[in-house]
């Protein structure tokens, strides 16, 4: 959740700064500003999803090999 919020906040700050620098017409005419804005948001979402998947991936793999020592080690952080 924190990477998503960080991506949204950085996109908002970027939007405010570019609006102050280029004005409304400058922001609307430059395509790279929209690309950077959405890129910041998507980067936060991708990092959030990747960290969520990576947190429980070792637990799932240890359950597949039926190793109790690995399961006890890795599944402590996973909320399943």
Protein backbone atom coordinates (compact mmCIF):
# COMPACT_ATOMS: atom_id res chain seq x y z
CA UNK A 1 0.00 0.00 0.00
CA UNK A 2 2.85 2.38 0.76
CA UNK A 3 4.42 2.15 -2.74
CA UNK A 4 1.03 2.91 -4.31
CA UNK A 5 0.57 5.95 -2.09
CA UNK A 6 4.13 7.05 -2.82
CA UNK A 7 3.46 6.75 -6.57
CA UNK A 8 0.25 8.78 -6.27
CA UNK A 9 1.89 11.46 -4.14
CA UNK A 10 4.90 11.78 -6.45
CA UNK A 11 2.57 12.02 -9.48
CA UNK A 12 0.58 14.74 -7.72
CA UNK A 13 3.71 16.70 -6.84
CA UNK A 14 5.02 16.27 -10.39
CA UNK A 15 1.70 17.53 -11.77
CA UNK A 16 1.75 20.61 -9.56
CA UNK A 17 5.36 21.45 -10.40
CA UNK A 18 4.86 21.04 -14.16
CA UNK A 19 1.71 23.15 -14.01
CA UNK A 20 3.63 25.89 -12.21
CA UNK A 21 6.51 25.69 -14.72
CA UNK A 22 4.65 25.33 -18.03
CA UNK A 23 1.15 26.61 -17.31
CA UNK A 24 -2.07 24.98 -18.41
CA UNK A 25 -1.41 25.25 -22.14
CA UNK A 26 2.13 23.91 -21.81
CA UNK A 27 0.96 20.93 -19.79
CA UNK A 28 -1.76 20.09 -22.30
CA UNK A 29 0.55 20.34 -25.33
CA UNK A 30 3.44 18.24 -24.06
CA UNK A 31 2.85 14.49 -24.27
CA UNK A 32 5.80 13.53 -22.10
CA UNK A 33 4.17 15.11 -19.04
CA UNK A 34 1.22 12.71 -19.25
CA UNK A 35 3.57 9.79 -19.78
CA UNK A 36 5.66 10.64 -16.73
CA UNK A 37 2.52 11.26 -14.63
CA UNK A 38 1.00 7.85 -15.44
CA UNK A 39 4.43 6.22 -15.27
CA UNK A 40 4.84 7.35 -11.66
CA UNK A 41 1.44 5.95 -10.73
CA UNK A 42 2.02 2.65 -12.53
CA UNK A 43 5.47 2.28 -11.00
CA UNK A 44 3.96 2.53 -7.52
CA UNK A 45 1.29 -0.04 -8.40
CA UNK A 46 3.83 -2.47 -9.91
CA UNK A 47 6.15 -2.20 -6.90
CA UNK A 48 3.20 -2.75 -4.54
CA UNK A 49 2.01 -5.83 -6.42
CA UNK A 50 5.53 -7.25 -6.73
CA UNK A 51 6.23 -6.83 -3.02
CA UNK A 52 2.91 -8.49 -2.14
CA UNK A 53 3.62 -11.45 -4.39
CA UNK A 54 7.24 -11.77 -3.23
CA UNK A 55 6.24 -11.73 0.45
CA UNK A 56 4.19 -14.94 0.12
CA UNK A 57 6.04 -16.67 -2.73
CA UNK A 58 8.70 -18.37 -0.54
CA UNK A 59 5.94 -19.63 1.78
CA UNK A 60 4.01 -21.17 -1.12
CA UNK A 61 7.17 -22.80 -2.51
CA UNK A 62 8.08 -24.28 0.87
CA UNK A 63 4.57 -25.75 1.17
CA UNK A 64 4.99 -27.36 -2.25
CA UNK A 65 8.14 -29.21 -1.21
CA UNK A 66 6.55 -30.20 2.14
CA UNK A 67 9.52 -29.06 4.20
CA UNK A 68 8.33 -28.09 7.68
CA UNK A 69 11.54 -26.21 8.56
CA UNK A 70 11.25 -23.98 5.50
CA UNK A 71 7.52 -23.52 6.05
CA UNK A 72 8.08 -22.38 9.64
CA UNK A 73 10.83 -20.01 8.53
CA UNK A 74 9.11 -18.41 5.55
CA UNK A 75 5.42 -18.45 6.51
CA UNK A 76 5.80 -16.35 9.64
CA UNK A 77 5.54 -13.12 7.62
CA UNK A 78 2.85 -14.40 5.27
CA UNK A 79 -0.69 -13.75 6.43
CA UNK A 80 -2.36 -16.94 5.25
